[in-house]
Protein backbone atom coordinates (compact mmCIF):
# COMPACT_ATOMS: atom_id res chain seq x y z
CA UNK A 1 -52.73 -31.57 60.68
CA UNK A 2 -51.25 -29.52 57.54
CA UNK A 3 -47.68 -29.98 55.95
CA UNK A 4 -46.52 -26.90 54.37
CA UNK A 5 -44.42 -27.76 51.73
CA UNK A 6 -41.54 -25.19 50.81
CA UNK A 7 -40.96 -24.52 47.08
CA UNK A 8 -37.47 -24.33 46.04
CA UNK A 9 -36.16 -21.09 45.43
CA UNK A 10 -36.33 -20.13 41.70
CA UNK A 11 -32.57 -19.57 40.50
CA UNK A 12 -31.89 -16.11 38.99
CA UNK A 13 -28.71 -15.08 36.76
CA UNK A 14 -25.93 -17.16 36.36
CA UNK A 15 -23.54 -19.18 38.68
CA UNK A 16 -19.59 -18.23 38.98
CA UNK A 17 -18.53 -21.36 37.57
CA UNK A 18 -20.75 -20.94 34.65
CA UNK A 19 -19.40 -17.53 34.06
CA UNK A 20 -15.82 -18.88 34.05
CA UNK A 21 -16.96 -21.51 31.75
CA UNK A 22 -18.22 -18.86 29.08
CA UNK A 23 -15.24 -16.64 29.74
CA UNK A 24 -12.62 -19.68 29.12
CA UNK A 25 -14.52 -20.47 25.71
CA UNK A 26 -14.56 -17.07 24.44
CA UNK A 27 -11.04 -16.40 25.36
CA UNK A 28 -10.06 -19.51 23.35
CA UNK A 29 -12.11 -18.14 20.31
CA UNK A 30 -10.93 -14.73 20.30
CA UNK A 31 -7.05 -16.31 20.65
CA UNK A 32 -7.75 -18.34 17.89
CA UNK A 33 -9.27 -15.57 15.62
CA UNK A 34 -6.58 -12.48 16.35
CA UNK A 35 -3.55 -13.99 13.92
CA UNK A 36 -6.41 -14.16 11.15
CA UNK A 37 -7.70 -10.93 11.96
CA UNK A 38 -4.44 -9.04 11.54
CA UNK A 39 -3.74 -11.03 8.31
CA UNK A 40 -6.71 -9.84 6.98
CA UNK A 41 -5.94 -6.22 7.90
CA UNK A 42 -2.79 -6.19 6.17
CA UNK A 43 -4.38 -7.55 3.28
CA UNK A 44 -6.72 -4.56 3.55
CA UNK A 45 -4.12 -2.16 3.68
CA UNK A 46 -2.33 -3.73 0.87
CA UNK A 47 -5.38 -3.65 -1.23
CA UNK A 48 -6.27 -0.37 -0.23
CA UNK A 49 -2.85 1.18 -1.06
CA UNK A 50 -3.06 -0.22 -4.21
CA UNK A 51 -6.16 1.05 -5.19
CA UNK A 52 -4.77 4.60 -4.28
CA UNK A 53 -1.65 3.91 -6.73
CA UNK A 54 -4.22 2.96 -9.64
CA UNK A 55 -6.57 6.08 -8.89
CA UNK A 56 -3.62 8.55 -8.68
CA UNK A 57 -2.37 7.27 -12.24
CA UNK A 58 -5.66 8.18 -13.64
CA UNK A 59 -5.88 11.32 -11.59
CA UNK A 60 -2.26 12.48 -12.86
CA UNK A 61 -3.36 11.56 -16.50
CA UNK A 62 -6.72 13.59 -15.96
CA UNK A 63 -5.16 16.34 -14.72
CA UNK A 64 -2.55 16.46 -17.57
CA UNK A 65 -5.54 16.64 -20.16
CA UNK A 66 -7.54 19.27 -17.78
CA UNK A 67 -4.95 21.47 -17.41
CA UNK A 68 -3.05 21.13 -20.67
CA UNK A 69 -0.02 20.76 -19.12
CA UNK A 70 2.34 17.74 -18.81
CA UNK A 71 2.03 16.38 -15.43
CA UNK A 72 4.70 13.57 -13.94
CA UNK A 73 4.54 10.88 -11.40
CA UNK A 74 7.39 10.59 -9.26
CA UNK A 75 8.28 7.55 -7.20
CA UNK A 76 11.03 8.03 -4.59
CA UNK A 77 12.70 6.07 -1.85
CA UNK A 78 15.00 7.37 1.14
CA UNK A 79 15.81 6.02 4.65
CA UNK A 80 13.23 2.98 4.38
CA UNK A 81 10.40 5.35 3.33
CA UNK A 82 8.55 5.51 0.10
CA UNK A 83 6.46 8.02 -1.85
CA UNK A 84 5.26 9.23 -4.93
CA UNK A 85 4.28 12.72 -6.00
CA UNK A 86 1.84 13.90 -8.57
CA UNK A 87 3.00 17.10 -10.16
CA UNK A 88 3.84 19.42 -13.05
CA UNK A 89 7.31 20.57 -14.09
CA UNK A 90 10.25 18.28 -14.04
CA UNK A 91 10.99 15.31 -12.19
CA UNK A 92 13.90 16.59 -10.44
CA UNK A 93 12.06 19.48 -8.87
CA UNK A 94 9.91 17.44 -6.55
CA UNK A 95 10.90 15.18 -3.64
CA UNK A 96 9.87 13.67 -0.44
CA UNK A 97 10.87 14.74 2.69
CA UNK A 98 9.71 14.14 6.38
CA UNK A 99 10.32 17.60 7.34
CA UNK A 100 7.78 19.58 4.68
CA UNK A 101 4.24 19.51 5.46
CA UNK A 102 2.29 16.56 3.38
CA UNK A 103 5.90 14.78 3.12
CA UNK A 104 6.43 16.47 -0.55
CA UNK A 105 7.94 19.29 -1.78
CA UNK A 106 8.24 21.04 -5.39
CA UNK A 107 10.56 23.81 -6.20
CA UNK A 108 11.05 26.02 -9.30
CA UNK A 109 8.10 26.15 -11.81
CA UNK A 110 6.90 22.50 -10.41
CA UNK A 111 3.26 22.42 -8.87
CA UNK A 112 2.57 19.95 -6.15
CA UNK A 113 -0.86 18.30 -7.06
CA UNK A 114 -1.08 15.37 -4.65
CA UNK A 115 1.65 12.99 -2.78
CA UNK A 116 1.39 9.80 -0.72
CA UNK A 117 4.05 8.82 1.82
CA UNK A 118 4.89 5.70 3.24
CA UNK A 119 7.22 5.83 6.41
CA UNK A 120 9.89 3.81 6.90
CA UNK A 121 7.67 1.46 9.67
CA UNK A 122 4.93 1.32 7.26
CA UNK A 123 3.56 -2.01 6.58
CA UNK A 124 3.40 -1.00 3.05
CA UNK A 125 5.88 0.46 0.53
CA UNK A 126 5.30 1.62 -3.16
CA UNK A 127 8.79 0.84 -5.36
CA UNK A 128 9.19 0.79 -9.22
CA UNK A 129 12.10 0.54 -11.43
CA UNK A 130 10.95 3.69 -13.30
CA UNK A 131 11.31 6.61 -11.32
CA UNK A 132 8.98 8.80 -12.80
CA UNK A 133 5.59 8.66 -15.57
CA UNK A 134 5.10 11.25 -18.02
CA UNK A 135 1.47 12.01 -18.70
CA UNK A 136 1.16 13.95 -22.38
CA UNK A 137 -1.76 16.48 -22.09
CA UNK A 138 -2.31 16.38 -26.13
CA UNK A 139 -2.07 12.48 -26.51
CA UNK A 140 -3.43 11.48 -23.03
CA UNK A 141 -0.49 8.78 -23.10
CA UNK A 142 2.31 7.87 -20.64
CA UNK A 143 5.79 7.35 -21.05
CA UNK A 144 7.34 5.02 -20.16
CA UNK A 145 5.42 2.26 -19.36
CA UNK A 146 5.71 0.87 -15.91
CA UNK A 147 5.05 -1.50 -13.19
CA UNK A 148 4.41 0.39 -9.60
CA UNK A 149 4.75 -2.55 -6.76
CA UNK A 150 2.82 -2.14 -3.75
CA UNK A 151 4.33 -4.55 -1.37
CA UNK A 152 3.79 -5.81 2.14
CA UNK A 153 6.16 -6.46 4.74
CA UNK A 154 5.07 -10.22 4.44
CA UNK A 155 6.38 -10.38 0.65
CA UNK A 156 2.83 -10.33 -0.30
CA UNK A 157 2.69 -7.59 -3.13
CA UNK A 158 0.07 -5.92 -5.58
CA UNK A 159 1.48 -4.76 -9.16
CA UNK A 160 -0.08 -2.27 -11.04
CA UNK A 161 0.95 -2.14 -14.64
CA UNK A 162 0.69 1.10 -16.46
CA UNK A 163 0.75 0.93 -20.36
CA UNK A 164 1.20 3.39 -22.86
CA UNK A 165 -2.53 4.60 -22.81
CA UNK A 166 -2.43 5.22 -18.95
CA UNK A 167 -4.59 2.33 -18.13
CA UNK A 168 -3.59 -0.05 -15.24
CA UNK A 169 -3.94 -3.75 -15.21
CA UNK A 170 -3.83 -4.99 -11.57
CA UNK A 171 -1.91 -8.76 -10.78
CA UNK A 172 -0.03 -10.44 -7.95
CA UNK A 173 2.78 -12.31 -8.31
CA UNK A 174 2.12 -15.98 -7.74
CA UNK A 175 -1.37 -14.92 -6.68
CA UNK A 176 -0.85 -14.26 -3.10
CA UNK A 177 -3.26 -11.51 -2.97
CA UNK A 178 -6.67 -13.00 -2.81
CA UNK A 179 -9.05 -12.06 -5.87
CA UNK A 180 -6.09 -10.34 -7.69
CA UNK A 181 -5.33 -12.41 -10.90
CA UNK A 182 -1.65 -13.81 -10.95
CA UNK A 183 1.41 -12.09 -12.77
């Protein structure tokens, strides 16, 4: 008499219990990572905006020399929004406006070269005690010297310190932003 043995069936795939276990672990890992990702995104936005300000200071200086005209970088604040406008002509002739295309407009003999607006709801704002920087086309200098503050809602900030020659030094108050030197 021969005995036939039945081989156990090979298991293919994963069971429901294994799937739920993996999903549980993944949800805990993702839940722990989300606050860190938000902070990382906020830091990246702050760093990007500060780099943009530095780039636009150099742009304004270069345009003054290239156009052989005085160029202004005017900073404005209204209704919780902030902006800056790079333009020719008097500082009073350019303003930021939510109604105009691009958020800025110039009148009279002023010519708009570039503008950047941070809405009231934006996580980043740009401020300065100096309302306008004037770039001289002959000397390549800027007056007055200024500190432009790029600020995040959480209190972190990057300062762009513009010297007489139009060079920008970057620092962070209390060293609160990554690799930036402390002001």
